Amino acid sequence: MAEAFLGLVISLQLHSGLKLTGTVAHIEPTTQQMTLKEAQLLFPGQPPHFTSVYGVSGKDIADLQVVSKPANDQQSKTATTNGSSKKQQTSTTTTATHERVSNENNQRPRQKKNNTPKRSSSSRKARQQQQQQHNGKGVSSNGWADEDVDGFKEKEFDFQANLSMFDKEKVFAEIRELDETAPETLLVTLNRLPRKPDVARTKLLPTENVLDNERESIGEESDTESSTTDERKLVNGNNHGKHLTPSIRTLDTHISCIPVSPLQMAHAEHECIKTGPSEVQLIENGGRGVCALTLQLIGGSRRIQSDDIPVIIMLTGNNKIGAYGMAAARHLINHGCHVVVCASEKRQGLGDAIAQQEAMFEHVGGKIVYDIQELSQWSADLIVDAMVGSQHNVLENDDDQQEYESLCKMIQWTSEQSSPVLSIDFPSALGEAREYCIHPRWTVCLGAPKTGCLSSQVTGTLYIADIGIPKTCWKRAGVKGWSAPWGADFVVALEYVC
């Protein structure tokens, strides 16, 4: 649109008060900078000044008027020039000079039109100017801002029609014919992995395991699985190669029980606590299951109702396994047993769960000692190991050195006793080479068997106690194929199947 003003003689009124007249030589669309040739500057109260080139910014223009057109209104332009010359009282020489400049400007656009290559829009603009002249309409006083733009609209580009002209298959076929590179030398071929045979795929939850459920030992924990190293062999004193985890099933109904890692157990408990039962309820359920099995192992109701009151020694650590032991000790007192608890740490250093269970145990008349040597005055019918269980990695911090030494003494004392031992969740073991370890006659796992349960040489006779974790929590924890083995019981005997 700006090109329509090229060659026109215009009169400009600037915001600064300056008036000027000249021929439009160039208009920059991006910066709106207008260049005038043979410009005449009219300062108020001064004679006009002439300059060959003068630039004006579009934002400085207050008003624009077309004085003359390139081809038609030569007489009007001459009159306008003469009138402005008389108004400013200029000489006859100045008027003649201005008329000569105007005549030259009228001729230059015609020369430019004849000598320069025509652009695609020049004919359209010429038709627009002719139509305006035919209709007797001049250019608006406000310049290009109020002009009709319909004449400048081009035909819309048809993308669909042009896209259909491109035959993609033909082009790529030609490229393949011209490409003489051997397929085996292509980079995409070198980086391509061998195709795996088609196998049935199963959709898994984000927390489920992709690898097969095969374990070797209870080992150290990683982010997703318990490592299966040779640590469990050191506990057993057996270094004759690796042991694959045998399958575990219920003794009576032969329902398969999938071993879980301590990390999976923690995830299942976390999922359970979010929706219920709470952590306190889980500990209460586990303590009641341990109590029921303990009463069964010492002889049941016949042994409880005799005059010889059974003595149970409970060894507890400052962890969740110790909280299960404290809950079981409280239930045993309620069922007529004499229970003595040996704790690894005094109350000011206990965790919340174990501290709560210890306070309830003392309220029912239980006795707690903190020195293992004080247990020598009792002859125990049964020793219950609730010291470490499967949470042996909680003592890796140097700040727990005092508790670590206390637990080692308790494990050493237990190994020297002739009384049978029942371990809760997993036999306790400490030391770099597992030199301090419990060899129980029975082990009761809480919720599910643990991955370290390799044989009866490790755990003794194996049991499992229901602590109330729903099946959906096991699934969200990544335990595949879990099925409830309980039946009508809360404590179920298990067996190893090689």
Protein backbone atom coordinates (compact mmCIF):
# COMPACT_ATOMS: atom_id res chain seq x y z
CA MET A 1 0.00 0.00 0.00
CA ALA A 2 2.89 2.36 0.74
CA GLU A 3 4.13 2.06 -2.86
CA ALA A 4 1.01 3.90 -4.07
CA PHE A 5 2.52 7.14 -2.66
CA LEU A 6 5.81 6.86 -4.52
CA GLY A 7 6.26 9.82 -6.88
CA LEU A 8 3.46 11.89 -5.32
CA VAL A 9 4.10 15.47 -4.24
CA ILE A 10 2.79 15.74 -0.70
CA SER A 11 2.52 18.36 2.01
CA LEU A 12 3.23 17.28 5.57
CA GLN A 13 2.39 18.91 8.88
CA LEU A 14 4.62 17.62 11.71
CA HIS A 15 3.84 17.58 15.42
CA SER A 16 6.71 20.02 15.94
CA GLY A 17 4.92 22.67 13.81
CA LEU A 18 7.20 22.30 10.79
CA LYS A 19 5.56 22.15 7.36
CA LEU A 20 7.30 20.63 4.37
CA THR A 21 6.56 19.76 0.78
CA GLY A 22 8.34 17.24 -1.41
CA THR A 23 8.16 14.21 -3.65
CA VAL A 24 7.88 10.78 -2.03
CA ALA A 25 11.00 8.85 -3.01
CA HIS A 26 10.83 5.86 -0.63
CA ILE A 27 8.75 4.48 2.26
CA GLU A 28 10.16 1.79 4.56
CA PRO A 29 7.16 -0.39 5.68
CA THR A 30 8.85 -1.84 8.75
CA THR A 31 10.13 1.40 10.30
CA GLN A 32 7.52 3.73 8.64
CA GLN A 33 10.34 6.03 7.54
CA MET A 34 9.40 8.30 4.57
CA THR A 35 12.09 9.83 2.32
CA LEU A 36 11.27 13.01 0.32
CA LYS A 37 13.20 14.35 -2.67
CA GLU A 38 13.51 18.03 -3.47
CA ALA A 39 11.94 18.86 -0.13
CA GLN A 40 10.85 22.41 0.74
CA LEU A 41 10.89 23.17 4.49
CA LEU A 42 8.57 25.96 5.67
CA PHE A 43 9.56 27.28 9.10
CA PRO A 44 7.12 29.76 10.67
CA GLY A 45 8.25 33.32 10.04
CA GLN A 46 11.16 32.29 7.79
CA PRO A 47 11.66 31.90 4.05
CA PRO A 48 11.43 28.35 2.70
CA HIS A 49 14.49 26.14 2.72
CA PHE A 50 15.26 23.57 0.02
CA THR A 51 17.10 20.28 0.39
CA SER A 52 17.61 17.43 -2.05
CA VAL A 53 16.72 14.63 0.43
CA TYR A 54 14.79 14.75 3.70
CA GLY A 55 13.60 11.90 5.93
CA VAL A 56 10.46 11.92 8.08
CA SER A 57 9.36 9.32 10.65
CA GLY A 58 5.74 8.22 10.45
CA LYS A 59 5.10 8.85 14.13
CA ASP A 60 6.10 12.53 13.73
CA ILE A 61 3.47 13.25 11.01
CA ALA A 62 0.41 15.12 12.25
CA ASP A 63 -1.27 15.60 8.84
CA LEU A 64 -0.60 14.56 5.23
CA GLN A 65 -2.07 16.03 2.04
CA VAL A 66 -1.43 15.12 -1.57
CA VAL A 67 -0.44 18.23 -3.48
CA SER A 68 -0.18 16.68 -6.96
CA LYS A 69 -0.24 13.34 -8.75
CA PRO A 70 2.35 12.07 -11.17
CA ALA A 71 0.32 12.17 -14.38
CA ASN A 72 -2.85 14.26 -14.32
CA ASP A 73 -2.99 17.31 -12.09
CA GLN A 74 0.08 19.22 -13.28
CA GLN A 75 -1.80 22.55 -13.50
CA SER A 76 -3.22 22.06 -9.99
CA LYS A 77 0.26 21.36 -8.67
CA THR A 78 1.64 24.46 -10.41
CA ALA A 79 -1.12 26.58 -8.93
CA THR A 80 -0.54 25.17 -5.52
CA THR A 81 3.18 25.84 -5.84
CA ASN A 82 2.59 29.38 -7.07
CA GLY A 83 0.08 30.03 -4.29
CA SER A 84 2.49 28.88 -1.64
CA SER A 85 5.24 30.95 -3.24
CA LYS A 86 3.10 34.11 -3.19
CA LYS A 87 2.03 33.47 0.36
CA GLN A 88 5.66 33.33 1.42
CA GLN A 89 6.55 36.34 -0.85
CA THR A 90 9.30 34.53 -2.75
CA SER A 91 10.90 35.78 -5.94
CA THR A 92 9.93 34.91 -9.52
CA THR A 93 13.09 32.88 -9.81
CA THR A 94 12.11 30.73 -6.86
CA THR A 95 8.65 30.09 -8.36
CA ALA A 96 10.12 29.08 -11.69
CA THR A 97 12.56 26.77 -9.96
CA HIS A 98 9.77 25.09 -8.01
CA GLU A 99 7.72 24.61 -11.19
CA ARG A 100 10.73 23.04 -12.88
CA VAL A 101 11.20 20.70 -9.91
CA SER A 102 7.52 19.77 -10.05
CA ASN A 103 7.71 19.06 -13.79
CA GLU A 104 10.77 16.88 -13.28
CA ASN A 105 8.99 14.97 -10.51
CA ASN A 106 6.01 14.42 -12.80
CA GLN A 107 8.28 12.94 -15.43
CA ARG A 108 10.41 10.74 -13.15
CA PRO A 109 7.65 8.29 -12.11
CA ARG A 110 6.87 7.66 -15.79
CA GLN A 111 10.55 6.97 -16.48
CA LYS A 112 10.78 4.66 -13.51
CA LYS A 113 7.64 2.85 -14.64
CA ASN A 114 9.12 2.32 -18.10
CA ASN A 115 12.68 1.36 -17.08
CA THR A 116 12.33 -0.76 -13.89
CA PRO A 117 10.91 -4.31 -13.79
CA LYS A 118 7.27 -4.42 -12.76
CA ARG A 119 6.35 -6.16 -9.49
CA SER A 120 3.42 -8.48 -9.19
CA SER A 121 1.38 -5.88 -7.31
CA SER A 122 2.11 -2.84 -9.52
CA SER A 123 -0.66 -3.59 -12.02
CA ARG A 124 -3.13 -4.07 -9.20
CA LYS A 125 -2.19 -0.73 -7.66
CA ALA A 126 -2.44 1.02 -11.02
CA ARG A 127 -5.93 -0.37 -11.50
CA GLN A 128 -6.87 0.87 -8.05
CA GLN A 129 -5.63 4.38 -8.81
CA GLN A 130 -7.49 4.41 -12.14
CA GLN A 131 -10.68 3.25 -10.41
CA GLN A 132 -10.34 6.02 -7.83
CA GLN A 133 -9.81 8.61 -10.57
CA HIS A 134 -12.77 7.22 -12.55
CA ASN A 135 -15.05 7.45 -9.51
CA GLY A 136 -13.87 10.97 -8.75
CA LYS A 137 -12.50 9.93 -5.36
CA GLY A 138 -9.22 11.36 -4.13
CA VAL A 139 -6.97 9.92 -1.49
CA SER A 140 -8.25 10.40 2.06
CA SER A 141 -6.73 13.19 4.06
CA ASN A 142 -5.61 10.69 6.66
CA GLY A 143 -3.37 8.86 4.19
CA TRP A 144 -3.11 5.09 3.84
CA ALA A 145 -4.79 4.38 7.19
CA ASP A 146 -8.30 4.90 5.76
CA GLU A 147 -7.87 3.45 2.28
CA ASP A 148 -9.83 0.50 0.95
CA VAL A 149 -7.66 -2.63 1.18
CA ASP A 150 -9.86 -4.96 -0.87
CA GLY A 151 -7.80 -4.26 -3.95
CA PHE A 152 -4.63 -5.40 -2.15
CA LYS A 153 -5.92 -8.78 -1.10
CA GLU A 154 -4.39 -11.66 -2.99
CA LYS A 155 -6.01 -14.94 -3.73
CA GLU A 156 -5.72 -17.33 -0.77
CA PHE A 157 -3.08 -20.02 -1.17
CA ASP A 158 -4.64 -23.47 -1.64
CA PHE A 159 -2.49 -25.78 0.51
CA GLN A 160 -4.54 -28.92 -0.19
CA ALA A 161 -4.38 -28.51 -3.95
CA ASN A 162 -0.64 -27.94 -3.91
CA LEU A 163 -0.04 -30.79 -1.46
CA SER A 164 -1.82 -33.23 -3.76
CA MET A 165 0.72 -32.37 -6.45
CA PHE A 166 3.50 -33.91 -4.29
CA ASP A 167 3.84 -37.67 -4.77
CA LYS A 168 5.72 -38.72 -1.63
CA GLU A 169 5.97 -42.39 -2.51
CA LYS A 170 7.45 -41.62 -5.91
CA VAL A 171 10.02 -39.23 -4.43
CA PHE A 172 11.19 -41.72 -1.80
CA ALA A 173 11.30 -44.48 -4.39
CA GLU A 174 13.62 -42.34 -6.50
CA ILE A 175 15.82 -41.66 -3.45
CA ARG A 176 16.12 -45.37 -2.72
CA GLU A 177 17.04 -46.11 -6.32
CA LEU A 178 19.78 -43.50 -6.32
CA ASP A 179 21.15 -44.57 -2.91
CA GLU A 180 23.90 -47.12 -3.44
CA THR A 181 24.85 -47.49 0.25
CA ALA A 182 24.77 -51.06 1.55
CA PRO A 183 22.02 -51.53 4.18
CA GLU A 184 24.36 -53.30 6.62
CA THR A 185 26.65 -50.26 6.74
CA LEU A 186 23.93 -47.77 7.65
CA LEU A 187 24.16 -46.28 11.13
CA VAL A 188 20.53 -47.07 11.85
CA THR A 189 21.28 -50.73 11.14
CA LEU A 190 24.33 -50.80 13.40
CA ASN A 191 22.35 -49.36 16.32
CA ARG A 192 19.35 -51.62 15.89
CA LEU A 193 18.96 -54.23 18.64
CA PRO A 194 18.19 -57.81 17.69
CA ARG A 195 14.49 -58.52 17.69
CA LYS A 196 13.29 -60.57 20.63
CA PRO A 197 10.94 -63.49 20.07
CA ASP A 198 7.29 -62.69 20.54
CA VAL A 199 6.16 -63.58 24.05
CA ALA A 200 2.95 -62.98 25.91
CA ARG A 201 3.08 -59.59 27.62
CA THR A 202 1.39 -58.83 30.91
CA LYS A 203 0.40 -55.37 32.00
CA LEU A 204 2.02 -54.50 35.32
CA LEU A 205 1.39 -51.76 37.84
CA PRO A 206 4.16 -49.18 38.39
CA THR A 207 5.05 -50.90 41.68
CA GLU A 208 5.09 -54.47 40.32
CA ASN A 209 8.30 -56.33 39.52
CA VAL A 210 9.31 -57.08 35.96
CA LEU A 211 11.93 -59.70 36.86
CA ASP A 212 11.07 -63.20 37.95
CA ASN A 213 10.53 -63.78 41.64
CA GLU A 214 13.85 -65.49 42.43
CA ARG A 215 15.83 -64.70 45.56
CA GLU A 216 19.04 -65.96 47.14
CA SER A 217 19.33 -64.21 50.50
CA ILE A 218 18.11 -61.35 52.61
CA GLY A 219 21.16 -59.17 51.65
CA GLU A 220 21.27 -55.39 51.38
CA GLU A 221 18.35 -53.36 50.01
CA SER A 222 18.29 -51.53 46.70
CA ASP A 223 15.63 -49.13 45.41
CA THR A 224 13.41 -51.88 43.99
CA GLU A 225 14.48 -55.27 45.30
CA SER A 226 16.40 -56.93 48.10
CA SER A 227 19.81 -57.99 46.83
CA THR A 228 20.49 -61.68 46.90
CA THR A 229 24.09 -62.08 47.98
CA ASP A 230 25.92 -64.71 49.96
CA GLU A 231 25.27 -63.06 53.34
CA ARG A 232 22.66 -65.61 54.30
CA LYS A 233 25.18 -68.41 53.73
CA LEU A 234 27.47 -66.81 56.29
CA VAL A 235 24.63 -66.90 58.81
CA ASN A 236 24.22 -70.60 58.26
CA GLY A 237 27.94 -71.31 58.27
CA ASN A 238 27.50 -72.89 54.85
CA ASN A 239 29.66 -71.66 51.97
CA HIS A 240 29.00 -74.45 49.47
CA GLY A 241 27.71 -72.28 46.64
CA LYS A 242 24.53 -70.33 46.08
CA HIS A 243 21.13 -71.33 47.36
CA LEU A 244 18.09 -70.66 45.25
CA THR A 245 14.99 -69.80 47.20
CA PRO A 246 12.72 -72.85 47.39
CA SER A 247 9.00 -72.46 47.07
CA ILE A 248 7.01 -72.12 50.28
CA ARG A 249 3.46 -73.35 50.78
CA THR A 250 1.03 -73.96 53.60
CA LEU A 251 1.43 -77.29 55.34
CA ASP A 252 -2.22 -78.38 55.27
CA THR A 253 -3.79 -76.75 52.19
CA HIS A 254 -0.65 -76.47 50.00
CA ILE A 255 -1.38 -72.84 49.09
CA SER A 256 1.71 -71.17 47.64
CA CYS A 257 3.16 -68.29 49.71
CA ILE A 258 5.33 -65.80 47.83
CA PRO A 259 8.37 -64.52 49.80
CA VAL A 260 8.68 -60.74 49.95
CA SER A 261 11.68 -58.52 50.55
CA PRO A 262 11.85 -56.18 53.55
CA LEU A 263 11.43 -53.28 51.13
CA GLN A 264 8.27 -54.78 49.65
CA MET A 265 7.01 -55.41 53.17
CA ALA A 266 7.60 -51.76 54.05
CA HIS A 267 5.76 -50.66 50.89
CA ALA A 268 2.80 -52.92 51.67
CA GLU A 269 2.59 -51.58 55.23
CA HIS A 270 2.79 -48.02 53.91
CA GLU A 271 -0.05 -48.63 51.44
CA CYS A 272 -2.06 -50.25 54.22
CA ILE A 273 -1.53 -47.37 56.65
CA LYS A 274 -2.79 -44.86 54.06
CA THR A 275 -6.23 -46.50 53.93
CA GLY A 276 -6.27 -48.57 57.12
CA PRO A 277 -5.60 -50.50 59.28
CA SER A 278 -3.22 -48.13 61.04
CA GLU A 279 0.30 -48.98 62.18
CA VAL A 280 -0.90 -49.50 65.76
CA GLN A 281 -3.53 -51.97 64.54
CA LEU A 282 -0.96 -53.88 62.48
CA ILE A 283 1.32 -54.18 65.51
CA GLU A 284 -1.60 -55.29 67.66
CA ASN A 285 -2.62 -57.96 65.14
CA GLY A 286 0.96 -59.21 64.84
CA GLY A 287 1.44 -59.32 68.61
CA ARG A 288 -1.73 -61.35 69.04
CA GLY A 289 -0.60 -63.82 66.36
CA VAL A 290 2.80 -64.27 68.04
CA CYS A 291 1.06 -64.75 71.39
CA ALA A 292 -1.24 -67.43 69.95
CA LEU A 293 1.69 -69.37 68.50
CA THR A 294 3.72 -69.01 71.70
CA LEU A 295 0.88 -70.44 73.81
CA GLN A 296 0.58 -73.33 71.35
CA LEU A 297 4.32 -74.08 71.49
CA ILE A 298 4.53 -74.18 75.31
CA GLY A 299 1.62 -76.65 75.59
CA GLY A 300 -1.59 -74.69 75.12
CA SER A 301 -4.35 -74.45 77.73
CA ARG A 302 -3.11 -77.51 79.70
CA ARG A 303 0.23 -75.83 80.34
CA ILE A 304 -1.33 -72.47 81.20
CA GLN A 305 -3.81 -73.90 83.68
CA SER A 306 -1.19 -75.88 85.61
CA ASP A 307 0.34 -74.71 88.86
CA ASP A 308 3.70 -74.24 87.17
CA ILE A 309 3.34 -70.82 85.51
CA PRO A 310 5.31 -70.69 82.24
CA VAL A 311 8.12 -68.14 82.04
CA ILE A 312 8.66 -66.35 78.74
CA ILE A 313 11.73 -64.16 78.09
CA MET A 314 11.20 -61.58 75.37
CA LEU A 315 14.31 -59.96 73.83
CA THR A 316 13.38 -56.70 72.04
CA GLY A 317 15.24 -54.16 69.92
CA ASN A 318 14.50 -50.49 69.38
CA ASN A 319 12.63 -51.06 66.11
CA LYS A 320 9.30 -52.24 64.75
CA ILE A 321 10.10 -55.91 65.39
CA GLY A 322 10.62 -54.97 69.04
CA ALA A 323 7.18 -53.30 69.04
CA TYR A 324 5.62 -56.57 67.82
CA GLY A 325 7.45 -58.38 70.63
CA MET A 326 6.18 -55.93 73.26
CA ALA A 327 2.58 -56.35 72.04
CA ALA A 328 2.96 -60.14 72.17
CA ALA A 329 4.41 -59.93 75.71
CA ARG A 330 1.38 -57.95 76.89
CA HIS A 331 -1.03 -60.54 75.45
CA LEU A 332 0.96 -63.36 77.08
CA ILE A 333 0.60 -61.70 80.48
CA ASN A 334 -3.16 -61.44 79.90
CA HIS A 335 -3.19 -65.21 79.24
CA GLY A 336 -1.48 -66.10 82.51
CA CYS A 337 2.21 -66.26 81.56
CA HIS A 338 5.08 -64.70 83.47
CA VAL A 339 6.90 -62.50 80.94
CA VAL A 340 10.24 -60.72 81.38
CA VAL A 341 11.34 -58.29 78.66
CA CYS A 342 14.98 -57.45 78.07
CA ALA A 343 15.19 -54.21 76.04
CA SER A 344 18.26 -53.06 74.15
CA GLU A 345 17.81 -49.38 75.00
CA LYS A 346 16.19 -47.27 77.70
CA ARG A 347 13.00 -45.32 77.11
CA GLN A 348 14.52 -41.92 76.30
CA GLY A 349 16.09 -43.36 73.14
CA LEU A 350 13.12 -45.41 71.91
CA GLY A 351 11.10 -44.91 68.78
CA ASP A 352 7.43 -43.96 68.98
CA ALA A 353 6.01 -47.42 68.25
CA ILE A 354 8.20 -49.32 70.71
CA ALA A 355 7.82 -46.63 73.40
CA GLN A 356 4.02 -46.83 73.16
CA GLN A 357 4.02 -50.63 73.42
CA GLU A 358 6.49 -50.55 76.32
CA ALA A 359 4.27 -48.16 78.29
CA MET A 360 1.21 -50.43 77.79
CA PHE A 361 3.27 -53.47 78.80
CA GLU A 362 4.28 -51.87 82.11
CA HIS A 363 0.63 -50.94 82.84
CA VAL A 364 -0.39 -54.64 82.82
CA GLY A 365 2.37 -55.54 85.30
CA GLY A 366 5.17 -56.55 82.94
CA LYS A 367 8.80 -56.42 84.01
CA ILE A 368 11.52 -54.81 81.84
CA VAL A 369 15.29 -55.15 82.36
CA TYR A 370 18.06 -53.45 80.39
CA ASP A 371 20.98 -55.68 81.33
CA ILE A 372 21.13 -59.17 79.85
CA GLN A 373 22.88 -60.50 82.95
CA GLU A 374 19.76 -59.89 85.05
CA LEU A 375 17.98 -62.69 83.14
CA SER A 376 20.09 -65.35 84.83
CA GLN A 377 17.66 -65.48 87.77
CA TRP A 378 14.87 -66.90 85.59
CA SER A 379 14.61 -70.29 83.94
CA ALA A 380 12.71 -69.69 80.71
CA ASP A 381 10.31 -72.11 79.10
CA LEU A 382 10.69 -70.17 75.85
CA ILE A 383 12.86 -67.31 74.56
CA VAL A 384 11.29 -65.04 71.96
CA ASP A 385 13.67 -63.25 69.58
CA ALA A 386 12.26 -59.79 68.70
CA MET A 387 15.60 -58.03 68.40
CA VAL A 388 16.30 -57.36 64.71
CA GLY A 389 14.40 -59.76 62.46
CA SER A 390 14.51 -58.73 58.81
CA GLN A 391 15.40 -55.11 59.72
CA HIS A 392 19.11 -55.75 60.29
CA ASN A 393 20.06 -52.75 58.10
CA VAL A 394 18.59 -50.22 60.56
CA LEU A 395 21.76 -50.42 62.67
CA GLU A 396 24.22 -49.32 59.99
CA ASN A 397 24.44 -45.79 61.43
CA ASP A 398 27.41 -45.10 63.71
CA ASP A 399 25.11 -43.35 66.20
CA ASP A 400 23.56 -46.76 67.03
CA GLN A 401 26.83 -48.25 68.24
CA GLN A 402 25.63 -48.59 71.84
CA GLU A 403 22.46 -50.38 70.80
CA TYR A 404 24.45 -52.52 68.36
CA GLU A 405 26.76 -53.73 71.13
CA SER A 406 23.79 -54.38 73.42
CA LEU A 407 22.05 -56.50 70.77
CA CYS A 408 25.24 -58.48 70.12
CA LYS A 409 25.42 -59.35 73.82
CA MET A 410 21.76 -60.40 73.82
CA ILE A 411 22.27 -62.63 70.75
CA GLN A 412 25.39 -64.17 72.31
CA TRP A 413 23.51 -64.82 75.57
CA THR A 414 20.64 -66.48 73.69
CA SER A 415 23.04 -68.83 71.86
CA GLU A 416 24.35 -70.04 75.21
CA GLN A 417 20.91 -70.96 76.57
CA SER A 418 19.29 -74.37 76.38
CA SER A 419 15.75 -72.99 76.14
CA PRO A 420 14.09 -73.17 72.71
CA VAL A 421 13.90 -69.94 70.71
CA LEU A 422 11.06 -68.49 68.64
CA SER A 423 12.12 -65.73 66.21
CA ILE A 424 9.67 -63.05 65.08
CA ASP A 425 9.65 -62.32 61.33
CA PHE A 426 13.23 -63.60 60.75
CA PRO A 427 16.14 -64.88 62.90
CA SER A 428 18.20 -61.93 64.16
CA ALA A 429 21.80 -61.69 62.90
CA LEU A 430 24.48 -58.99 63.22
CA GLY A 431 28.12 -58.49 62.34
CA GLU A 432 30.00 -58.09 59.07
CA ALA A 433 30.27 -61.87 58.71
CA ARG A 434 27.01 -62.51 60.63
CA GLU A 435 29.01 -63.94 63.49
CA TYR A 436 26.20 -63.00 65.90
CA CYS A 437 23.09 -64.89 64.82
CA ILE A 438 20.10 -66.72 66.26
CA HIS A 439 19.38 -70.38 65.40
CA PRO A 440 15.71 -70.66 66.32
CA ARG A 441 13.58 -73.76 66.58
CA TRP A 442 10.61 -71.83 65.14
CA THR A 443 10.15 -68.65 63.11
CA VAL A 444 6.86 -66.82 62.66
CA CYS A 445 6.85 -64.43 59.70
CA LEU A 446 4.56 -61.41 59.91
CA GLY A 447 2.23 -60.97 56.95
CA ALA A 448 4.32 -62.95 54.47
CA PRO A 449 7.50 -65.11 54.34
CA LYS A 450 10.67 -63.10 53.87
CA THR A 451 13.17 -63.60 51.05
CA GLY A 452 15.83 -64.91 53.46
CA CYS A 453 13.75 -67.96 54.34
CA LEU A 454 15.83 -70.55 52.50
CA SER A 455 15.35 -73.73 54.50
CA SER A 456 14.49 -75.10 57.92
CA GLN A 457 18.20 -74.87 58.79
CA VAL A 458 17.83 -71.09 58.71
CA THR A 459 14.38 -70.59 60.20
CA GLY A 460 13.52 -73.86 61.91
CA THR A 461 9.84 -74.72 61.57
CA LEU A 462 8.21 -71.87 59.68
CA TYR A 463 4.90 -70.18 60.47
CA ILE A 464 3.11 -67.14 59.11
CA ALA A 465 0.81 -64.78 61.08
CA ASP A 466 -1.90 -62.58 59.60
CA ILE A 467 -1.42 -58.93 60.61
CA GLY A 468 -4.33 -57.58 58.54
CA ILE A 469 -2.70 -56.31 55.30
CA PRO A 470 -5.32 -56.40 52.48
CA LYS A 471 -4.58 -58.15 49.19
CA THR A 472 -4.77 -54.87 47.24
CA CYS A 473 -1.87 -53.47 49.29
CA TRP A 474 0.32 -56.41 48.31
CA LYS A 475 -0.48 -55.78 44.67
CA ARG A 476 0.36 -52.07 44.92
CA ALA A 477 3.64 -53.02 46.61
CA GLY A 478 4.67 -55.04 43.56
CA VAL A 479 4.04 -58.57 44.90
CA LYS A 480 2.65 -60.57 41.98
CA GLY A 481 0.38 -63.54 42.44
CA TRP A 482 -0.34 -63.03 46.12
CA SER A 483 -3.13 -65.22 47.48
CA ALA A 484 -4.41 -65.29 51.05
CA PRO A 485 -3.23 -68.54 52.73
CA TRP A 486 -5.10 -68.07 56.00
CA GLY A 487 -8.27 -70.05 55.60
CA ALA A 488 -9.98 -70.12 59.01
CA ASP A 489 -6.77 -69.46 61.01
CA PHE A 490 -4.69 -66.41 61.87
CA VAL A 491 -1.47 -68.41 62.26
CA VAL A 492 -0.62 -71.01 59.60
CA ALA A 493 2.21 -73.58 59.44
CA LEU A 494 4.38 -73.54 56.30
CA GLU A 495 6.72 -75.98 54.61
CA TYR A 496 9.60 -75.74 52.13
CA VAL A 497 9.22 -77.41 48.75
CA CYS A 498 12.45 -77.94 46.79
